[in-house]
Amino acid sequence: MERFQQSGQGDIADSWVGPGPNKEVAPNQLEQAIGPDVLATLSQQTGLSREELLAKLSKELPTAVDKYTPEGRLPSQ
């Protein structure tokens, strides 16, 4: 969530946590928020290309965050 805030896309991530519809995130927006180091690590761990990762994550991440924040807030640590 912090990375989305820092990349100027906090409103998108906030929509996934809060009530109401989830805003879509484009692969290029996701790449900007996640950063090249995380993408390289994920690519190495999964065997997927950057493009495949971004395509899958841009579709699945909003739903996953929404699912794990049913109270409309991030879980406490």
N, C-alpha and C. Protein backbone atom coordinates (compact mmCIF):
# COMPACT_ATOMS: atom_id res chain seq x y z
N MET A 1 0.83 -1.18 0.00
CA MET A 1 0.00 0.00 0.00
C MET A 1 0.88 1.25 0.00
N GLU A 2 1.96 1.16 0.75
CA GLU A 2 2.86 2.31 0.82
C GLU A 2 3.44 2.63 -0.54
N ARG A 3 3.80 1.61 -1.28
CA ARG A 3 4.38 1.83 -2.61
C ARG A 3 3.37 2.50 -3.55
N PHE A 4 2.11 2.13 -3.42
CA PHE A 4 1.09 2.76 -4.26
C PHE A 4 0.94 4.23 -3.88
N GLN A 5 0.97 4.52 -2.58
CA GLN A 5 0.89 5.90 -2.12
C GLN A 5 2.08 6.70 -2.67
N GLN A 6 3.26 6.13 -2.55
CA GLN A 6 4.48 6.82 -2.97
C GLN A 6 4.53 7.06 -4.47
N SER A 7 3.89 6.19 -5.24
CA SER A 7 3.91 6.34 -6.70
C SER A 7 2.74 7.17 -7.20
N GLY A 8 1.98 7.77 -6.28
CA GLY A 8 0.86 8.62 -6.68
C GLY A 8 -0.40 7.87 -7.05
N GLN A 9 -0.49 6.61 -6.65
CA GLN A 9 -1.64 5.79 -7.00
C GLN A 9 -2.38 5.28 -5.77
N GLY A 10 -2.30 6.06 -4.72
CA GLY A 10 -2.95 5.68 -3.47
C GLY A 10 -4.45 5.54 -3.60
N ASP A 11 -5.07 6.37 -4.45
CA ASP A 11 -6.52 6.28 -4.60
C ASP A 11 -6.96 4.94 -5.17
N ILE A 12 -6.13 4.36 -6.03
CA ILE A 12 -6.44 3.05 -6.60
C ILE A 12 -6.39 1.99 -5.50
N ALA A 13 -5.29 1.96 -4.76
CA ALA A 13 -5.13 0.97 -3.70
C ALA A 13 -6.17 1.17 -2.60
N ASP A 14 -6.48 2.41 -2.27
CA ASP A 14 -7.49 2.68 -1.25
C ASP A 14 -8.85 2.11 -1.64
N SER A 15 -9.15 2.11 -2.94
CA SER A 15 -10.44 1.57 -3.39
C SER A 15 -10.53 0.07 -3.15
N TRP A 16 -9.39 -0.61 -3.12
CA TRP A 16 -9.39 -2.06 -2.89
C TRP A 16 -9.65 -2.37 -1.43
N VAL A 17 -9.18 -1.50 -0.55
CA VAL A 17 -9.32 -1.71 0.89
C VAL A 17 -10.71 -1.27 1.35
N GLY A 18 -11.13 -0.11 0.93
CA GLY A 18 -12.40 0.46 1.38
C GLY A 18 -13.60 -0.19 0.73
N PRO A 19 -14.78 0.20 1.21
CA PRO A 19 -16.01 -0.32 0.62
C PRO A 19 -16.24 0.28 -0.77
N GLY A 20 -17.04 -0.36 -1.53
CA GLY A 20 -17.35 0.13 -2.87
C GLY A 20 -16.56 -0.61 -3.92
N PRO A 21 -16.72 -0.19 -5.17
CA PRO A 21 -16.06 -0.89 -6.27
C PRO A 21 -14.54 -0.70 -6.23
N ASN A 22 -13.85 -1.71 -6.71
CA ASN A 22 -12.39 -1.66 -6.80
C ASN A 22 -12.00 -1.00 -8.12
N LYS A 23 -11.10 -0.03 -8.04
CA LYS A 23 -10.59 0.59 -9.25
C LYS A 23 -9.60 -0.37 -9.89
N GLU A 24 -9.58 -0.34 -11.21
CA GLU A 24 -8.64 -1.18 -11.95
C GLU A 24 -7.26 -0.55 -11.91
N VAL A 25 -6.26 -1.40 -12.03
CA VAL A 25 -4.89 -0.93 -12.12
C VAL A 25 -4.30 -1.48 -13.42
N ALA A 26 -3.75 -0.59 -14.22
CA ALA A 26 -3.13 -1.00 -15.48
C ALA A 26 -1.75 -1.60 -15.18
N PRO A 27 -1.31 -2.53 -16.02
CA PRO A 27 0.00 -3.13 -15.80
C PRO A 27 1.13 -2.11 -15.64
N ASN A 28 1.10 -1.03 -16.43
CA ASN A 28 2.17 -0.04 -16.31
C ASN A 28 2.08 0.72 -14.98
N GLN A 29 0.87 0.94 -14.46
CA GLN A 29 0.72 1.57 -13.15
C GLN A 29 1.24 0.65 -12.06
N LEU A 30 0.93 -0.62 -12.18
CA LEU A 30 1.39 -1.61 -11.22
C LEU A 30 2.91 -1.71 -11.23
N GLU A 31 3.49 -1.69 -12.40
CA GLU A 31 4.95 -1.75 -12.51
C GLU A 31 5.59 -0.55 -11.82
N GLN A 32 4.99 0.61 -12.00
CA GLN A 32 5.50 1.82 -11.37
C GLN A 32 5.42 1.72 -9.85
N ALA A 33 4.33 1.17 -9.34
CA ALA A 33 4.14 1.06 -7.89
C ALA A 33 5.03 -0.01 -7.27
N ILE A 34 5.12 -1.16 -7.92
CA ILE A 34 5.87 -2.28 -7.35
C ILE A 34 7.37 -2.06 -7.46
N GLY A 35 7.82 -1.56 -8.58
CA GLY A 35 9.24 -1.31 -8.78
C GLY A 35 9.96 -2.47 -9.42
N PRO A 36 11.08 -2.17 -10.05
CA PRO A 36 11.81 -3.20 -10.81
C PRO A 36 12.43 -4.30 -9.95
N ASP A 37 12.86 -3.97 -8.75
CA ASP A 37 13.50 -4.98 -7.90
C ASP A 37 12.51 -6.06 -7.48
N VAL A 38 11.32 -5.65 -7.06
CA VAL A 38 10.30 -6.61 -6.64
C VAL A 38 9.86 -7.45 -7.84
N LEU A 39 9.68 -6.80 -8.98
CA LEU A 39 9.27 -7.54 -10.18
C LEU A 39 10.33 -8.56 -10.59
N ALA A 40 11.59 -8.19 -10.50
CA ALA A 40 12.66 -9.12 -10.86
C ALA A 40 12.66 -10.32 -9.91
N THR A 41 12.47 -10.06 -8.62
CA THR A 41 12.42 -11.15 -7.64
C THR A 41 11.23 -12.06 -7.91
N LEU A 42 10.06 -11.48 -8.12
CA LEU A 42 8.87 -12.29 -8.41
C LEU A 42 9.04 -13.09 -9.69
N SER A 43 9.62 -12.49 -10.69
CA SER A 43 9.85 -13.18 -11.95
C SER A 43 10.78 -14.37 -11.76
N GLN A 44 11.83 -14.16 -10.98
CA GLN A 44 12.77 -15.24 -10.71
C GLN A 44 12.11 -16.36 -9.91
N GLN A 45 11.29 -16.00 -8.93
CA GLN A 45 10.67 -17.01 -8.06
C GLN A 45 9.55 -17.77 -8.77
N THR A 46 8.85 -17.12 -9.68
CA THR A 46 7.72 -17.77 -10.34
C THR A 46 8.04 -18.35 -11.71
N GLY A 47 9.09 -17.85 -12.32
CA GLY A 47 9.40 -18.29 -13.68
C GLY A 47 8.58 -17.58 -14.73
N LEU A 48 7.79 -16.61 -14.31
CA LEU A 48 6.97 -15.84 -15.25
C LEU A 48 7.75 -14.61 -15.72
N SER A 49 7.46 -14.16 -16.93
CA SER A 49 8.09 -12.94 -17.43
C SER A 49 7.47 -11.73 -16.72
N ARG A 50 8.13 -10.59 -16.82
CA ARG A 50 7.60 -9.36 -16.22
C ARG A 50 6.20 -9.07 -16.77
N GLU A 51 6.05 -9.25 -18.07
CA GLU A 51 4.77 -8.96 -18.71
C GLU A 51 3.66 -9.89 -18.20
N GLU A 52 3.99 -11.17 -18.05
CA GLU A 52 3.02 -12.12 -17.52
C GLU A 52 2.64 -11.78 -16.08
N LEU A 53 3.64 -11.46 -15.27
CA LEU A 53 3.38 -11.09 -13.88
C LEU A 53 2.48 -9.87 -13.79
N LEU A 54 2.82 -8.85 -14.54
CA LEU A 54 2.04 -7.61 -14.48
C LEU A 54 0.61 -7.83 -14.95
N ALA A 55 0.44 -8.64 -15.99
CA ALA A 55 -0.92 -8.92 -16.49
C ALA A 55 -1.73 -9.65 -15.44
N LYS A 56 -1.14 -10.66 -14.82
CA LYS A 56 -1.85 -11.45 -13.81
C LYS A 56 -2.12 -10.62 -12.55
N LEU A 57 -1.10 -9.92 -12.07
CA LEU A 57 -1.26 -9.13 -10.85
C LEU A 57 -2.26 -7.99 -11.03
N SER A 58 -2.27 -7.37 -12.20
CA SER A 58 -3.20 -6.25 -12.41
C SER A 58 -4.65 -6.73 -12.36
N LYS A 59 -4.87 -8.00 -12.66
CA LYS A 59 -6.23 -8.55 -12.59
C LYS A 59 -6.55 -9.10 -11.20
N GLU A 60 -5.57 -9.73 -10.55
CA GLU A 60 -5.82 -10.44 -9.30
C GLU A 60 -5.59 -9.61 -8.03
N LEU A 61 -4.66 -8.67 -8.06
CA LEU A 61 -4.32 -7.93 -6.86
C LEU A 61 -5.49 -7.14 -6.27
N PRO A 62 -6.27 -6.42 -7.08
CA PRO A 62 -7.40 -5.70 -6.48
C PRO A 62 -8.37 -6.61 -5.72
N THR A 63 -8.68 -7.77 -6.28
CA THR A 63 -9.59 -8.71 -5.64
C THR A 63 -8.97 -9.30 -4.38
N ALA A 64 -7.68 -9.62 -4.45
CA ALA A 64 -7.01 -10.21 -3.28
C ALA A 64 -6.96 -9.22 -2.12
N VAL A 65 -6.60 -7.98 -2.39
CA VAL A 65 -6.55 -6.97 -1.32
C VAL A 65 -7.95 -6.75 -0.76
N ASP A 66 -8.94 -6.68 -1.62
CA ASP A 66 -10.32 -6.49 -1.18
C ASP A 66 -10.76 -7.64 -0.27
N LYS A 67 -10.40 -8.85 -0.65
CA LYS A 67 -10.78 -10.04 0.12
C LYS A 67 -10.16 -10.04 1.51
N TYR A 68 -8.91 -9.60 1.59
CA TYR A 68 -8.19 -9.65 2.87
C TYR A 68 -8.36 -8.39 3.71
N THR A 69 -9.23 -7.49 3.27
CA THR A 69 -9.55 -6.29 4.05
C THR A 69 -11.07 -6.13 4.17
N PRO A 70 -11.76 -7.15 4.66
CA PRO A 70 -13.23 -7.11 4.69
C PRO A 70 -13.78 -6.02 5.59
N GLU A 71 -13.04 -5.56 6.54
CA GLU A 71 -13.51 -4.50 7.44
C GLU A 71 -13.21 -3.11 6.89
N GLY A 72 -12.64 -3.05 5.70
CA GLY A 72 -12.32 -1.76 5.09
C GLY A 72 -11.06 -1.13 5.65
N ARG A 73 -10.21 -1.95 6.22
CA ARG A 73 -8.92 -1.43 6.71
C ARG A 73 -7.88 -2.54 6.63
N LEU A 74 -6.61 -2.13 6.61
CA LEU A 74 -5.52 -3.09 6.56
C LEU A 74 -5.42 -3.84 7.86
N PRO A 75 -5.05 -5.11 7.83
CA PRO A 75 -4.89 -5.86 9.08
C PRO A 75 -3.75 -5.25 9.92
N SER A 76 -3.90 -5.31 11.22
CA SER A 76 -2.83 -4.81 12.08
C SER A 76 -1.71 -5.84 12.12
N GLN A 77 -0.51 -5.37 12.40
CA GLN A 77 0.65 -6.26 12.35
C GLN A 77 0.71 -7.17 13.51
